[in-house]
Amino acid sequence: MADDWTLETIDLGRVRYREADALQRKHHAEVVAGREQSPAPQRLLLLEHDPAVITVSKRAGADTNLLASPEHLASIGVDLERTDRGGDVTWHGPGQLVAWPIVDLNRFGLGLHAWMRLMEQAVIDTLAEFGIEGFRDDEATGVWVKDDRDPKGAKICAMGVRVSKWVTLHGLALNVHPDLSQFGLIVPCGLLDRPVTSMHFAGAQVEVNQVQEVLKQQLSQHLSAKGVR
């Protein structure tokens, strides 16, 4: 049973948020419908949002962490979208690697907390491949790195998920070389005064396609280690 699943990687490239989200729903329905197949399909969507977009979660009060009006965002070419994931307010755009694993958690014996920790570890291990030491913050989901601006570190990877029928949606956003100034449009993830950074800022001059190759391997390896229930 340990090999009774496949993780199909789908590279969407640069894509508008609404188009990517529609594809995500389609693949989610296919994973749910195919959970009794052998091998059971699991999917991993890899993409960059273009144009840039700010997504606001369903969490109460998330709107207060949006620091720019919809009119201003439209004037600078930034989309604004509501989303059904967890988390708070997040910016996405070119130079940021977005990974949406669409995975049947029951098949791997994972609860939501364990799934979040698995994704964090996959990112930490990915960063290590490029000479960056990432770590968790017990008070805030995501992955962080050391940064002179804050003794607690700076966020390099944001996470927010939804689970429907025990199959995951949404996932993680790893800053490779985005325009960090655009994070000034929001309070990232609702964490006031916590800085945001990128792999380039941390010293790794890499491209998104290089990082996504490592990340998909890490996610697959960490899922394989869980076996199948």
C-alpha atoms as a PDB file:
ATOM      1  CA  MET A   1       0.000   0.000   0.000  1.00  0.00           C
ATOM      2  CA  ALA A   2       2.907   2.404   0.548  1.00  0.00           C
ATOM      3  CA  ASP A   3       3.119   3.049  -3.194  1.00  0.00           C
ATOM      4  CA  ASP A   4      -0.635   3.118  -3.783  1.00  0.00           C
ATOM      5  CA  TRP A   5      -0.754   6.810  -4.673  1.00  0.00           C
ATOM      6  CA  THR A   6       0.822   9.245  -7.070  1.00  0.00           C
ATOM      7  CA  LEU A   7       1.641  12.934  -6.634  1.00  0.00           C
ATOM      8  CA  GLU A   8       1.070  14.580  -9.982  1.00  0.00           C
ATOM      9  CA  THR A   9       2.775  17.963 -10.287  1.00  0.00           C
ATOM     10  CA  ILE A  10       1.050  20.560 -12.451  1.00  0.00           C
ATOM     11  CA  ASP A  11       3.032  23.695 -13.277  1.00  0.00           C
ATOM     12  CA  LEU A  12       0.584  26.508 -14.012  1.00  0.00           C
ATOM     13  CA  GLY A  13       3.314  29.111 -14.505  1.00  0.00           C
ATOM     14  CA  ARG A  14       2.172  32.700 -14.034  1.00  0.00           C
ATOM     15  CA  VAL A  15      -1.589  32.865 -13.751  1.00  0.00           C
ATOM     16  CA  ARG A  16      -4.330  35.160 -12.454  1.00  0.00           C
ATOM     17  CA  TYR A  17      -5.725  34.180  -9.053  1.00  0.00           C
ATOM     18  CA  ARG A  18      -9.292  33.466 -10.171  1.00  0.00           C
ATOM     19  CA  GLU A  19      -8.147  31.235 -13.015  1.00  0.00           C
ATOM     20  CA  ALA A  20      -5.817  29.310 -10.710  1.00  0.00           C
ATOM     21  CA  ASP A  21      -8.512  28.927  -8.068  1.00  0.00           C
ATOM     22  CA  ALA A  22     -10.976  27.527 -10.599  1.00  0.00           C
ATOM     23  CA  LEU A  23      -8.394  24.941 -11.653  1.00  0.00           C
ATOM     24  CA  GLN A  24      -7.731  24.126  -8.013  1.00  0.00           C
ATOM     25  CA  ARG A  25     -11.444  23.343  -7.456  1.00  0.00           C
ATOM     26  CA  LYS A  26     -11.469  21.113 -10.536  1.00  0.00           C
ATOM     27  CA  HIS A  27      -8.474  19.112  -9.345  1.00  0.00           C
ATOM     28  CA  HIS A  28      -9.891  18.901  -5.815  1.00  0.00           C
ATOM     29  CA  ALA A  29     -13.076  17.322  -7.172  1.00  0.00           C
ATOM     30  CA  GLU A  30     -11.009  14.815  -9.164  1.00  0.00           C
ATOM     31  CA  VAL A  31      -8.926  13.827  -6.127  1.00  0.00           C
ATOM     32  CA  VAL A  32     -12.087  13.345  -4.048  1.00  0.00           C
ATOM     33  CA  ALA A  33     -13.686  11.264  -6.804  1.00  0.00           C
ATOM     34  CA  GLY A  34     -10.552   9.157  -7.283  1.00  0.00           C
ATOM     35  CA  ARG A  35      -9.759   8.332  -3.678  1.00  0.00           C
ATOM     36  CA  GLU A  36     -10.771   4.676  -4.176  1.00  0.00           C
ATOM     37  CA  GLN A  37      -8.648   4.274  -7.296  1.00  0.00           C
ATOM     38  CA  SER A  38      -5.327   2.456  -7.355  1.00  0.00           C
ATOM     39  CA  PRO A  39      -3.080   4.372  -7.462  1.00  0.00           C
ATOM     40  CA  ALA A  40      -5.072   7.152  -5.837  1.00  0.00           C
ATOM     41  CA  PRO A  41      -4.352  10.549  -7.418  1.00  0.00           C
ATOM     42  CA  GLN A  42      -2.859  13.362  -5.364  1.00  0.00           C
ATOM     43  CA  ARG A  43      -2.077  16.689  -7.004  1.00  0.00           C
ATOM     44  CA  LEU A  44       0.407  19.520  -6.507  1.00  0.00           C
ATOM     45  CA  LEU A  45      -0.249  22.814  -8.284  1.00  0.00           C
ATOM     46  CA  LEU A  46       2.775  25.110  -8.613  1.00  0.00           C
ATOM     47  CA  LEU A  47       2.323  28.693  -9.756  1.00  0.00           C
ATOM     48  CA  GLU A  48       3.032  32.392  -9.468  1.00  0.00           C
ATOM     49  CA  HIS A  49       0.114  34.802  -9.264  1.00  0.00           C
ATOM     50  CA  ASP A  50       0.274  37.427 -12.010  1.00  0.00           C
ATOM     51  CA  PRO A  51      -0.939  40.106 -11.729  1.00  0.00           C
ATOM     52  CA  ALA A  52      -0.220  40.513  -8.042  1.00  0.00           C
ATOM     53  CA  VAL A  53      -3.166  39.863  -5.746  1.00  0.00           C
ATOM     54  CA  ILE A  54      -4.085  40.387  -2.126  1.00  0.00           C
ATOM     55  CA  THR A  55      -6.255  37.618  -0.708  1.00  0.00           C
ATOM     56  CA  VAL A  56      -8.414  38.147   2.362  1.00  0.00           C
ATOM     57  CA  SER A  57      -9.394  35.068   4.363  1.00  0.00           C
ATOM     58  CA  LYS A  58     -12.756  34.241   5.912  1.00  0.00           C
ATOM     59  CA  ARG A  59     -11.381  35.003   9.390  1.00  0.00           C
ATOM     60  CA  ALA A  60     -13.354  37.667  11.257  1.00  0.00           C
ATOM     61  CA  GLY A  61     -11.504  40.981  11.286  1.00  0.00           C
ATOM     62  CA  ALA A  62      -9.146  40.097   8.441  1.00  0.00           C
ATOM     63  CA  ASP A  63     -10.250  43.234   6.576  1.00  0.00           C
ATOM     64  CA  THR A  64      -8.597  45.410   9.210  1.00  0.00           C
ATOM     65  CA  ASN A  65      -5.193  44.168   8.030  1.00  0.00           C
ATOM     66  CA  LEU A  66      -5.721  45.561   4.541  1.00  0.00           C
ATOM     67  CA  LEU A  67      -3.937  48.930   4.498  1.00  0.00           C
ATOM     68  CA  ALA A  68      -4.939  50.109   1.019  1.00  0.00           C
ATOM     69  CA  SER A  69      -8.349  50.804  -0.479  1.00  0.00           C
ATOM     70  CA  PRO A  70      -9.696  48.645  -3.307  1.00  0.00           C
ATOM     71  CA  GLU A  71      -9.506  51.734  -5.519  1.00  0.00           C
ATOM     72  CA  HIS A  72      -5.810  52.234  -4.783  1.00  0.00           C
ATOM     73  CA  LEU A  73      -5.051  48.567  -5.378  1.00  0.00           C
ATOM     74  CA  ALA A  74      -6.817  48.698  -8.727  1.00  0.00           C
ATOM     75  CA  SER A  75      -4.867  51.821  -9.687  1.00  0.00           C
ATOM     76  CA  ILE A  76      -1.537  50.035  -9.167  1.00  0.00           C
ATOM     77  CA  GLY A  77      -2.641  46.803 -10.835  1.00  0.00           C
ATOM     78  CA  VAL A  78      -3.108  44.641  -7.736  1.00  0.00           C
ATOM     79  CA  ASP A  79      -6.172  42.372  -7.626  1.00  0.00           C
ATOM     80  CA  LEU A  80      -8.203  41.920  -4.434  1.00  0.00           C
ATOM     81  CA  GLU A  81      -9.889  38.578  -3.789  1.00  0.00           C
ATOM     82  CA  ARG A  82     -11.841  36.891  -1.001  1.00  0.00           C
ATOM     83  CA  THR A  83     -10.737  33.363  -0.211  1.00  0.00           C
ATOM     84  CA  ASP A  84     -12.041  30.448   1.841  1.00  0.00           C
ATOM     85  CA  ARG A  85      -8.657  29.427   3.244  1.00  0.00           C
ATOM     86  CA  GLY A  86      -7.545  29.895   6.823  1.00  0.00           C
ATOM     87  CA  GLY A  87      -5.020  32.513   7.832  1.00  0.00           C
ATOM     88  CA  ASP A  88      -5.449  36.246   7.370  1.00  0.00           C
ATOM     89  CA  VAL A  89      -4.439  38.733   4.652  1.00  0.00           C
ATOM     90  CA  THR A  90      -1.682  37.723   2.230  1.00  0.00           C
ATOM     91  CA  TRP A  91       0.018  39.219  -0.823  1.00  0.00           C
ATOM     92  CA  HIS A  92       0.887  37.047  -3.814  1.00  0.00           C
ATOM     93  CA  GLY A  93       2.703  38.000  -6.978  1.00  0.00           C
ATOM     94  CA  PRO A  94       5.541  37.333  -9.404  1.00  0.00           C
ATOM     95  CA  GLY A  95       8.677  36.038  -7.731  1.00  0.00           C
ATOM     96  CA  GLN A  96       6.720  34.170  -5.073  1.00  0.00           C
ATOM     97  CA  LEU A  97       6.313  30.398  -5.421  1.00  0.00           C
ATOM     98  CA  VAL A  98       2.793  29.274  -4.549  1.00  0.00           C
ATOM     99  CA  ALA A  99       2.240  25.564  -3.910  1.00  0.00           C
ATOM    100  CA  TRP A 100      -1.246  24.139  -3.562  1.00  0.00           C
ATOM    101  CA  PRO A 101      -1.079  20.447  -2.614  1.00  0.00           C
ATOM    102  CA  ILE A 102      -4.426  18.701  -3.120  1.00  0.00           C
ATOM    103  CA  VAL A 103      -3.989  15.713  -0.852  1.00  0.00           C
ATOM    104  CA  ASP A 104      -6.323  13.191   0.798  1.00  0.00           C
ATOM    105  CA  LEU A 105      -5.297  13.548   4.445  1.00  0.00           C
ATOM    106  CA  ASN A 106      -7.053  10.331   5.479  1.00  0.00           C
ATOM    107  CA  ARG A 107      -4.866   8.332   3.111  1.00  0.00           C
ATOM    108  CA  PHE A 108      -1.771   9.534   4.950  1.00  0.00           C
ATOM    109  CA  GLY A 109      -3.236   9.435   8.456  1.00  0.00           C
ATOM    110  CA  LEU A 110      -2.823  13.191   8.839  1.00  0.00           C
ATOM    111  CA  GLY A 111      -4.863  15.698  10.782  1.00  0.00           C
ATOM    112  CA  LEU A 112      -4.837  19.377   9.940  1.00  0.00           C
ATOM    113  CA  HIS A 113      -2.166  20.268  12.526  1.00  0.00           C
ATOM    114  CA  ALA A 114       0.145  17.499  11.313  1.00  0.00           C
ATOM    115  CA  TRP A 115      -0.408  18.575   7.708  1.00  0.00           C
ATOM    116  CA  MET A 116       0.656  22.136   8.480  1.00  0.00           C
ATOM    117  CA  ARG A 117       3.778  20.897  10.255  1.00  0.00           C
ATOM    118  CA  LEU A 118       4.599  18.623   7.290  1.00  0.00           C
ATOM    119  CA  MET A 119       4.412  21.548   4.869  1.00  0.00           C
ATOM    120  CA  GLU A 120       6.546  23.692   7.159  1.00  0.00           C
ATOM    121  CA  GLN A 121       9.200  20.984   7.337  1.00  0.00           C
ATOM    122  CA  ALA A 122       9.188  20.539   3.566  1.00  0.00           C
ATOM    123  CA  VAL A 123       9.855  24.270   3.184  1.00  0.00           C
ATOM    124  CA  ILE A 124      12.561  24.233   5.872  1.00  0.00           C
ATOM    125  CA  ASP A 125      14.288  21.367   4.068  1.00  0.00           C
ATOM    126  CA  THR A 126      13.913  23.160   0.730  1.00  0.00           C
ATOM    127  CA  LEU A 127      15.534  26.305   2.111  1.00  0.00           C
ATOM    128  CA  ALA A 128      18.390  24.226   3.511  1.00  0.00           C
ATOM    129  CA  GLU A 129      19.173  23.018  -0.019  1.00  0.00           C
ATOM    130  CA  PHE A 130      19.919  26.655  -0.882  1.00  0.00           C
ATOM    131  CA  GLY A 131      21.935  27.418   2.245  1.00  0.00           C
ATOM    132  CA  ILE A 132      19.157  29.149   4.199  1.00  0.00           C
ATOM    133  CA  GLU A 133      18.260  28.105   7.742  1.00  0.00           C
ATOM    134  CA  GLY A 134      14.509  28.212   8.207  1.00  0.00           C
ATOM    135  CA  PHE A 135      12.636  27.592  11.431  1.00  0.00           C
ATOM    136  CA  ARG A 136       9.176  27.514  12.966  1.00  0.00           C
ATOM    137  CA  ASP A 137       7.675  30.096  15.295  1.00  0.00           C
ATOM    138  CA  ASP A 138       5.458  28.431  17.898  1.00  0.00           C
ATOM    139  CA  GLU A 139       3.224  31.503  17.942  1.00  0.00           C
ATOM    140  CA  ALA A 140       2.763  31.886  14.181  1.00  0.00           C
ATOM    141  CA  THR A 141       2.237  29.381  11.379  1.00  0.00           C
ATOM    142  CA  GLY A 142       4.713  29.469   8.507  1.00  0.00           C
ATOM    143  CA  VAL A 143       8.478  29.431   8.080  1.00  0.00           C
ATOM    144  CA  TRP A 144      10.857  32.089   9.346  1.00  0.00           C
ATOM    145  CA  VAL A 145      14.533  32.976   8.955  1.00  0.00           C
ATOM    146  CA  LYS A 146      16.950  35.006  11.034  1.00  0.00           C
ATOM    147  CA  ASP A 147      16.797  38.721  10.291  1.00  0.00           C
ATOM    148  CA  ASP A 148      18.539  41.749  11.777  1.00  0.00           C
ATOM    149  CA  ARG A 149      15.253  43.668  11.806  1.00  0.00           C
ATOM    150  CA  ASP A 150      13.591  41.454  14.389  1.00  0.00           C
ATOM    151  CA  PRO A 151      15.065  39.073  16.998  1.00  0.00           C
ATOM    152  CA  LYS A 152      12.155  36.703  16.321  1.00  0.00           C
ATOM    153  CA  GLY A 153      13.061  36.527  12.641  1.00  0.00           C
ATOM    154  CA  ALA A 154      11.304  37.427   9.389  1.00  0.00           C
ATOM    155  CA  LYS A 155       8.642  35.423   7.599  1.00  0.00           C
ATOM    156  CA  ILE A 156       9.772  33.860   4.348  1.00  0.00           C
ATOM    157  CA  CYS A 157       6.836  31.497   3.788  1.00  0.00           C
ATOM    158  CA  ALA A 158       3.148  32.043   4.572  1.00  0.00           C
ATOM    159  CA  MET A 159       0.603  29.244   4.855  1.00  0.00           C
ATOM    160  CA  GLY A 160      -3.158  28.991   4.786  1.00  0.00           C
ATOM    161  CA  VAL A 161      -5.312  25.986   3.978  1.00  0.00           C
ATOM    162  CA  ARG A 162      -8.829  24.679   3.739  1.00  0.00           C
ATOM    163  CA  VAL A 163      -9.916  21.059   4.035  1.00  0.00           C
ATOM    164  CA  SER A 164     -13.058  19.788   2.307  1.00  0.00           C
ATOM    165  CA  LYS A 165     -13.991  16.101   2.520  1.00  0.00           C
ATOM    166  CA  TRP A 166     -10.540  15.649   4.090  1.00  0.00           C
ATOM    167  CA  VAL A 167      -8.848  16.738   0.888  1.00  0.00           C
ATOM    168  CA  THR A 168      -6.718  19.878   1.115  1.00  0.00           C
ATOM    169  CA  LEU A 169      -6.971  23.162  -0.763  1.00  0.00           C
ATOM    170  CA  HIS A 170      -4.616  26.158  -0.870  1.00  0.00           C
ATOM    171  CA  GLY A 171      -1.234  25.693   0.830  1.00  0.00           C
ATOM    172  CA  LEU A 172       1.914  27.805   0.981  1.00  0.00           C
ATOM    173  CA  ALA A 173       3.580  30.856  -0.539  1.00  0.00           C
ATOM    174  CA  LEU A 174       7.390  30.956  -0.474  1.00  0.00           C
ATOM    175  CA  ASN A 175       9.076  34.277  -1.211  1.00  0.00           C
ATOM    176  CA  VAL A 176      11.866  33.673  -3.723  1.00  0.00           C
ATOM    177  CA  HIS A 177      12.383  37.158  -5.172  1.00  0.00           C
ATOM    178  CA  PRO A 178       9.082  39.088  -5.040  1.00  0.00           C
ATOM    179  CA  ASP A 179       8.722  42.860  -4.754  1.00  0.00           C
ATOM    180  CA  LEU A 180       8.848  43.017  -0.956  1.00  0.00           C
ATOM    181  CA  SER A 181       7.683  46.632  -0.930  1.00  0.00           C
ATOM    182  CA  GLN A 182       4.170  45.460  -1.829  1.00  0.00           C
ATOM    183  CA  PHE A 183       3.828  43.788   1.560  1.00  0.00           C
ATOM    184  CA  GLY A 184       3.445  47.353   2.839  1.00  0.00           C
ATOM    185  CA  LEU A 185      -0.101  47.246   1.451  1.00  0.00           C
ATOM    186  CA  ILE A 186      -1.119  44.843   4.224  1.00  0.00           C
ATOM    187  CA  VAL A 187      -0.335  43.632   7.712  1.00  0.00           C
ATOM    188  CA  PRO A 188       1.049  40.291   6.492  1.00  0.00           C
ATOM    189  CA  CYS A 189      -0.878  37.406   8.065  1.00  0.00           C
ATOM    190  CA  GLY A 190      -2.174  39.879  10.653  1.00  0.00           C
ATOM    191  CA  LEU A 191       1.219  40.031  12.401  1.00  0.00           C
ATOM    192  CA  LEU A 192       1.917  43.682  13.139  1.00  0.00           C
ATOM    193  CA  ASP A 193       5.576  44.783  12.989  1.00  0.00           C
ATOM    194  CA  ARG A 194       6.887  41.352  11.915  1.00  0.00           C
ATOM    195  CA  PRO A 195       9.097  41.734   8.816  1.00  0.00           C
ATOM    196  CA  VAL A 196       8.791  39.757   5.604  1.00  0.00           C
ATOM    197  CA  THR A 197      11.804  38.547   3.657  1.00  0.00           C
ATOM    198  CA  SER A 198      12.748  36.502   0.603  1.00  0.00           C
ATOM    199  CA  MET A 199      15.313  33.934  -0.457  1.00  0.00           C
ATOM    200  CA  HIS A 200      17.157  36.632  -2.425  1.00  0.00           C
ATOM    201  CA  PHE A 201      17.221  38.932   0.617  1.00  0.00           C
ATOM    202  CA  ALA A 202      18.520  36.003   2.686  1.00  0.00           C
ATOM    203  CA  GLY A 203      21.407  35.520   0.256  1.00  0.00           C
ATOM    204  CA  ALA A 204      20.224  32.835  -2.194  1.00  0.00           C
ATOM    205  CA  GLN A 205      20.164  34.218  -5.739  1.00  0.00           C
ATOM    206  CA  VAL A 206      17.872  31.581  -7.200  1.00  0.00           C
ATOM    207  CA  GLU A 207      14.902  31.492  -9.553  1.00  0.00           C
ATOM    208  CA  VAL A 208      11.393  30.230  -8.872  1.00  0.00           C
ATOM    209  CA  ASN A 209      11.750  27.234 -11.203  1.00  0.00           C
ATOM    210  CA  GLN A 210      14.846  26.061  -9.327  1.00  0.00           C
ATOM    211  CA  VAL A 211      13.085  26.266  -5.982  1.00  0.00           C
ATOM    212  CA  GLN A 212       9.927  24.529  -7.144  1.00  0.00           C
ATOM    213  CA  GLU A 213      11.898  21.486  -8.300  1.00  0.00           C
ATOM    214  CA  VAL A 214      13.295  21.037  -4.795  1.00  0.00           C
ATOM    215  CA  LEU A 215      10.021  21.818  -3.032  1.00  0.00           C
ATOM    216  CA  LYS A 216       8.016  19.247  -4.972  1.00  0.00           C
ATOM    217  CA  GLN A 217      10.633  16.597  -4.145  1.00  0.00           C
ATOM    218  CA  GLN A 218      10.521  17.514  -0.467  1.00  0.00           C
ATOM    219  CA  LEU A 219       6.723  17.408  -0.296  1.00  0.00           C
ATOM    220  CA  SER A 220       6.665  14.022  -2.022  1.00  0.00           C
ATOM    221  CA  GLN A 221       9.346  12.630   0.289  1.00  0.00           C
ATOM    222  CA  HIS A 222       7.577  13.816   3.422  1.00  0.00           C
ATOM    223  CA  LEU A 223       4.293  12.317   2.248  1.00  0.00           C
ATOM    224  CA  SER A 224       6.046   9.048   1.380  1.00  0.00           C
ATOM    225  CA  ALA A 225       7.436   8.885   4.907  1.00  0.00           C
ATOM    226  CA  LYS A 226       3.867   8.881   6.242  1.00  0.00           C
ATOM    227  CA  GLY A 227       2.921   5.767   4.306  1.00  0.00           C
ATOM    228  CA  VAL A 228      -0.698   5.045   3.472  1.00  0.00           C
ATOM    229  CA  ARG A 229      -3.602   4.199   5.762  1.00  0.00           C
END
